[in-house]
N, C-alpha and C. Protein backbone atom coordinates (compact mmCIF):
# COMPACT_ATOMS: atom_id res chain seq x y z
N MET A 1 -54.28 24.64 -7.61
CA MET A 1 -53.36 24.60 -6.30
C MET A 1 -54.16 26.48 -5.89
N ILE A 2 -54.24 27.13 -4.76
CA ILE A 2 -55.44 28.14 -4.62
C ILE A 2 -54.25 28.94 -3.90
N THR A 3 -53.98 30.17 -4.01
CA THR A 3 -52.45 31.15 -4.16
C THR A 3 -52.58 32.53 -4.03
N GLU A 4 -51.91 33.41 -4.61
CA GLU A 4 -51.68 34.88 -4.92
C GLU A 4 -50.69 34.98 -5.77
N CYS A 5 -51.17 35.69 -6.40
CA CYS A 5 -50.07 36.30 -7.26
C CYS A 5 -48.53 36.75 -6.46
N ARG A 6 -47.82 36.57 -6.82
CA ARG A 6 -46.68 36.89 -6.60
C ARG A 6 -45.88 38.59 -6.72
N SER A 7 -46.92 39.22 -7.73
CA SER A 7 -46.42 40.82 -8.04
C SER A 7 -48.12 41.58 -7.79
N CYS A 8 -48.72 41.44 -7.56
CA CYS A 8 -49.92 41.77 -7.81
C CYS A 8 -50.71 41.31 -6.28
N GLY A 9 -50.51 40.53 -5.82
CA GLY A 9 -51.40 40.09 -5.15
C GLY A 9 -52.92 39.39 -4.66
N ALA A 10 -52.73 39.37 -6.15
CA ALA A 10 -54.43 38.82 -6.20
C ALA A 10 -54.73 37.48 -6.19
N PRO A 11 -55.91 36.97 -5.75
CA PRO A 11 -56.03 35.49 -5.86
C PRO A 11 -56.15 34.51 -6.76
N ILE A 12 -55.46 33.67 -7.40
CA ILE A 12 -54.92 33.00 -7.95
C ILE A 12 -55.16 31.65 -7.72
N THR A 13 -55.69 30.80 -9.30
CA THR A 13 -55.22 29.38 -9.09
C THR A 13 -54.69 28.84 -10.01
N MET A 14 -53.44 27.87 -9.97
CA MET A 14 -52.26 27.47 -10.30
C MET A 14 -52.82 26.01 -10.81
N ASN A 15 -53.39 25.67 -12.58
CA ASN A 15 -54.07 24.67 -12.74
C ASN A 15 -53.55 24.10 -14.01
N ARG A 16 -52.82 22.36 -13.64
CA ARG A 16 -52.53 22.11 -14.90
C ARG A 16 -53.50 22.31 -16.35
N THR A 17 -52.50 22.01 -17.03
CA THR A 17 -53.35 22.42 -18.59
C THR A 17 -53.55 21.01 -19.45
N THR A 18 -53.88 21.11 -20.64
CA THR A 18 -53.38 19.56 -21.58
C THR A 18 -52.41 19.62 -21.91
N ARG A 19 -51.63 20.16 -21.76
CA ARG A 19 -50.38 19.66 -22.01
C ARG A 19 -49.19 19.90 -20.83
N GLY A 20 -49.60 19.60 -19.39
CA GLY A 20 -49.27 19.39 -18.39
C GLY A 20 -48.05 20.70 -17.71
N ARG A 21 -48.69 22.08 -18.37
CA ARG A 21 -47.74 22.75 -17.20
C ARG A 21 -48.92 23.31 -16.66
N TYR A 22 -48.11 24.72 -16.10
CA TYR A 22 -49.23 24.95 -15.23
C TYR A 22 -49.92 26.39 -15.40
N MET A 23 -50.86 27.13 -15.33
CA MET A 23 -51.80 28.42 -16.30
C MET A 23 -51.53 29.16 -14.61
N PRO A 24 -51.95 30.10 -14.51
CA PRO A 24 -51.76 31.03 -13.64
C PRO A 24 -53.44 31.38 -13.77
N LEU A 25 -54.91 30.94 -13.12
CA LEU A 25 -56.13 31.25 -13.56
C LEU A 25 -56.60 32.83 -12.51
N ASP A 26 -57.27 33.62 -12.82
CA ASP A 26 -58.20 34.01 -11.78
C ASP A 26 -59.03 33.53 -11.60
N ARG A 27 -59.35 33.81 -9.64
CA ARG A 27 -59.99 32.74 -9.06
C ARG A 27 -61.34 32.92 -9.11
N GLU A 28 -61.93 33.69 -9.43
CA GLU A 28 -63.19 34.09 -10.18
C GLU A 28 -63.87 33.96 -11.46
N PRO A 29 -64.88 32.95 -11.78
CA PRO A 29 -65.07 32.54 -13.01
C PRO A 29 -65.58 34.03 -14.00
N THR A 30 -65.82 34.68 -14.73
CA THR A 30 -66.14 35.36 -15.43
C THR A 30 -66.65 35.28 -16.86
N ARG A 31 -68.19 35.92 -17.56
CA ARG A 31 -68.17 35.59 -18.59
C ARG A 31 -67.51 35.80 -19.84
N ASP A 32 -66.19 36.89 -19.37
CA ASP A 32 -65.33 36.85 -21.02
C ASP A 32 -64.17 36.14 -20.92
N GLY A 33 -64.47 34.81 -20.10
CA GLY A 33 -62.97 34.18 -19.55
C GLY A 33 -63.41 32.79 -21.31
N ASN A 34 -61.85 31.94 -21.21
CA ASN A 34 -61.77 30.95 -22.49
C ASN A 34 -61.38 30.13 -21.59
N VAL A 35 -61.61 29.71 -20.68
CA VAL A 35 -60.42 28.75 -20.12
C VAL A 35 -61.55 28.12 -18.97
N GLN A 36 -62.32 26.38 -19.43
CA GLN A 36 -63.08 26.09 -19.12
C GLN A 36 -61.74 24.95 -17.93
N PHE A 37 -62.52 24.19 -16.55
CA PHE A 37 -62.06 22.68 -16.17
C PHE A 37 -62.60 22.05 -16.67
N CYS A 38 -62.00 20.66 -17.40
CA CYS A 38 -62.23 19.57 -17.32
C CYS A 38 -61.77 18.55 -16.64
N VAL A 39 -62.40 17.63 -16.38
CA VAL A 39 -61.52 16.20 -15.32
C VAL A 39 -61.65 15.47 -16.39
N VAL A 40 -59.93 14.74 -16.04
CA VAL A 40 -59.48 14.01 -17.14
C VAL A 40 -59.17 13.08 -15.99
N GLY A 41 -59.34 11.90 -15.55
CA GLY A 41 -58.62 10.63 -15.05
C GLY A 41 -58.64 11.54 -13.88
N GLY A 42 -59.67 11.82 -13.13
CA GLY A 42 -59.77 12.52 -11.77
C GLY A 42 -59.14 13.46 -11.56
N ASP A 43 -58.48 13.82 -12.53
CA ASP A 43 -57.64 15.53 -12.45
C ASP A 43 -58.29 16.70 -12.91
N GLU A 44 -58.31 17.79 -12.23
CA GLU A 44 -59.14 19.14 -12.89
C GLU A 44 -58.43 19.68 -13.82
N ILE A 45 -58.38 19.38 -15.33
CA ILE A 45 -57.40 20.01 -15.98
C ILE A 45 -57.95 21.54 -16.42
N ALA A 46 -57.30 22.42 -16.96
CA ALA A 46 -58.03 23.54 -17.68
C ALA A 46 -57.56 23.58 -19.17
N THR A 47 -58.18 23.73 -19.64
CA THR A 47 -58.64 23.97 -21.17
C THR A 47 -59.38 24.97 -22.03
N VAL A 48 -57.94 25.65 -22.38
CA VAL A 48 -58.27 26.83 -23.59
C VAL A 48 -59.41 26.69 -24.71
N LEU A 49 -60.53 27.33 -24.69
CA LEU A 49 -61.17 26.98 -25.43
C LEU A 49 -61.49 27.84 -26.78
N ASN A 50 -61.86 27.67 -27.94
CA ASN A 50 -61.40 28.26 -29.30
C ASN A 50 -63.57 29.29 -28.77
N ALA A 51 -63.33 30.35 -29.88
CA ALA A 51 -64.37 31.37 -29.71
C ALA A 51 -65.61 30.30 -29.68
N ALA A 52 -66.02 29.62 -30.56
CA ALA A 52 -67.09 28.64 -30.70
C ALA A 52 -67.37 27.92 -29.30
N ASP A 53 -66.43 26.76 -28.90
CA ASP A 53 -66.84 26.58 -27.86
C ASP A 53 -67.08 27.39 -26.32
N GLN A 54 -66.05 28.94 -26.42
CA GLN A 54 -66.48 29.87 -25.72
C GLN A 54 -67.92 30.04 -25.36
N ALA A 55 -68.68 30.28 -26.79
CA ALA A 55 -69.81 30.75 -27.18
C ALA A 55 -70.52 29.73 -26.50
N ALA A 56 -70.59 28.56 -26.85
CA ALA A 56 -71.54 27.41 -26.09
C ALA A 56 -71.47 27.36 -24.72
N ALA A 57 -69.89 27.46 -23.83
CA ALA A 57 -70.01 27.10 -22.86
C ALA A 57 -70.73 28.48 -21.87
N VAL A 58 -70.69 29.40 -22.27
CA VAL A 58 -71.78 30.76 -21.74
C VAL A 58 -72.88 30.67 -22.00
N ILE A 59 -73.24 29.77 -22.84
CA ILE A 59 -74.91 29.51 -23.63
C ILE A 59 -75.32 28.44 -22.15
N ALA A 60 -74.77 28.06 -21.97
CA ALA A 60 -74.84 26.09 -21.71
C ALA A 60 -74.65 27.12 -19.77
N GLY A 61 -73.98 27.82 -19.60
CA GLY A 61 -73.94 28.28 -18.18
C GLY A 61 -72.84 27.73 -17.37
N ILE A 62 -71.78 27.11 -18.21
CA ILE A 62 -70.66 26.36 -17.80
C ILE A 62 -69.41 27.83 -17.45
N PRO A 63 -69.65 27.79 -16.21
CA PRO A 63 -68.37 28.88 -15.49
C PRO A 63 -67.01 28.68 -15.82
N LEU A 64 -66.56 30.03 -16.85
CA LEU A 64 -65.21 30.40 -17.67
C LEU A 64 -64.24 30.90 -16.92
N TYR A 65 -62.85 30.92 -16.57
CA TYR A 65 -62.09 31.91 -16.31
C TYR A 65 -60.82 32.26 -17.41
N LEU A 66 -60.35 33.48 -16.73
CA LEU A 66 -59.19 34.31 -17.52
C LEU A 66 -57.72 33.77 -16.95
N SER A 67 -56.76 33.75 -17.70
CA SER A 67 -56.09 33.20 -17.62
C SER A 67 -54.98 34.84 -16.82
N HIS A 68 -54.55 34.59 -15.43
CA HIS A 68 -54.25 35.78 -14.70
C HIS A 68 -53.24 37.02 -15.68
N PHE A 69 -52.70 36.34 -16.58
CA PHE A 69 -51.34 37.20 -17.38
C PHE A 69 -52.34 37.93 -18.20
N VAL A 70 -53.74 37.95 -18.39
CA VAL A 70 -54.96 38.54 -19.08
C VAL A 70 -55.20 39.77 -17.58
N THR A 71 -55.26 39.66 -16.82
CA THR A 71 -55.11 40.94 -16.14
C THR A 71 -54.08 41.21 -14.95
N CYS A 72 -53.93 40.87 -14.54
CA CYS A 72 -52.50 41.27 -13.94
C CYS A 72 -51.52 42.43 -14.57
N PRO A 73 -51.77 43.36 -13.84
CA PRO A 73 -50.69 44.73 -14.19
C PRO A 73 -49.28 44.46 -14.30
N ASN A 74 -49.11 43.08 -13.77
CA ASN A 74 -47.36 42.83 -14.04
C ASN A 74 -47.16 41.60 -14.43
N ALA A 75 -48.28 41.51 -15.16
CA ALA A 75 -48.14 39.76 -15.90
C ALA A 75 -46.54 39.73 -16.74
N GLY A 76 -46.29 40.74 -17.40
CA GLY A 76 -44.80 40.67 -18.25
C GLY A 76 -43.53 40.42 -17.74
N ALA A 77 -43.85 40.62 -16.09
CA ALA A 77 -42.15 40.05 -15.43
C ALA A 77 -42.24 38.54 -15.35
N HIS A 78 -43.49 38.17 -15.14
CA HIS A 78 -43.60 36.26 -14.43
C HIS A 78 -43.61 35.81 -15.92
N ARG A 79 -43.98 36.03 -17.50
CA ARG A 79 -43.70 35.26 -18.30
C ARG A 79 -42.55 34.97 -18.81
N LYS A 80 -42.19 33.39 -19.18
CA LYS A 80 -40.99 32.53 -19.22
C LYS A 80 -40.25 33.70 -20.58
N ARG A 81 -39.77 33.88 -21.27
CA ARG A 81 -38.57 34.22 -22.11
C ARG A 81 -38.69 32.90 -23.02
N GLY A 82 -38.80 32.44 -24.60
CA GLY A 82 -38.09 32.14 -25.28
C GLY A 82 -36.77 31.94 -26.08
């Protein structure tokens, strides 16, 4: 789902993770990203990569994304408290 951040207005996407939760991601791919999209059962799932898989994805030219929590200046206001 394409939307914008409630606090900073940046363009983001809300993507389901392998655990079924939604993760806000910056809309544009970046070489520093560690999240890859995989198609599972016809659904696009956001998968967080470890360092080795991230490096392999960069070499393969696979687009990677960053969680918007990394780039949002107001990220702390949106994190769920445990």
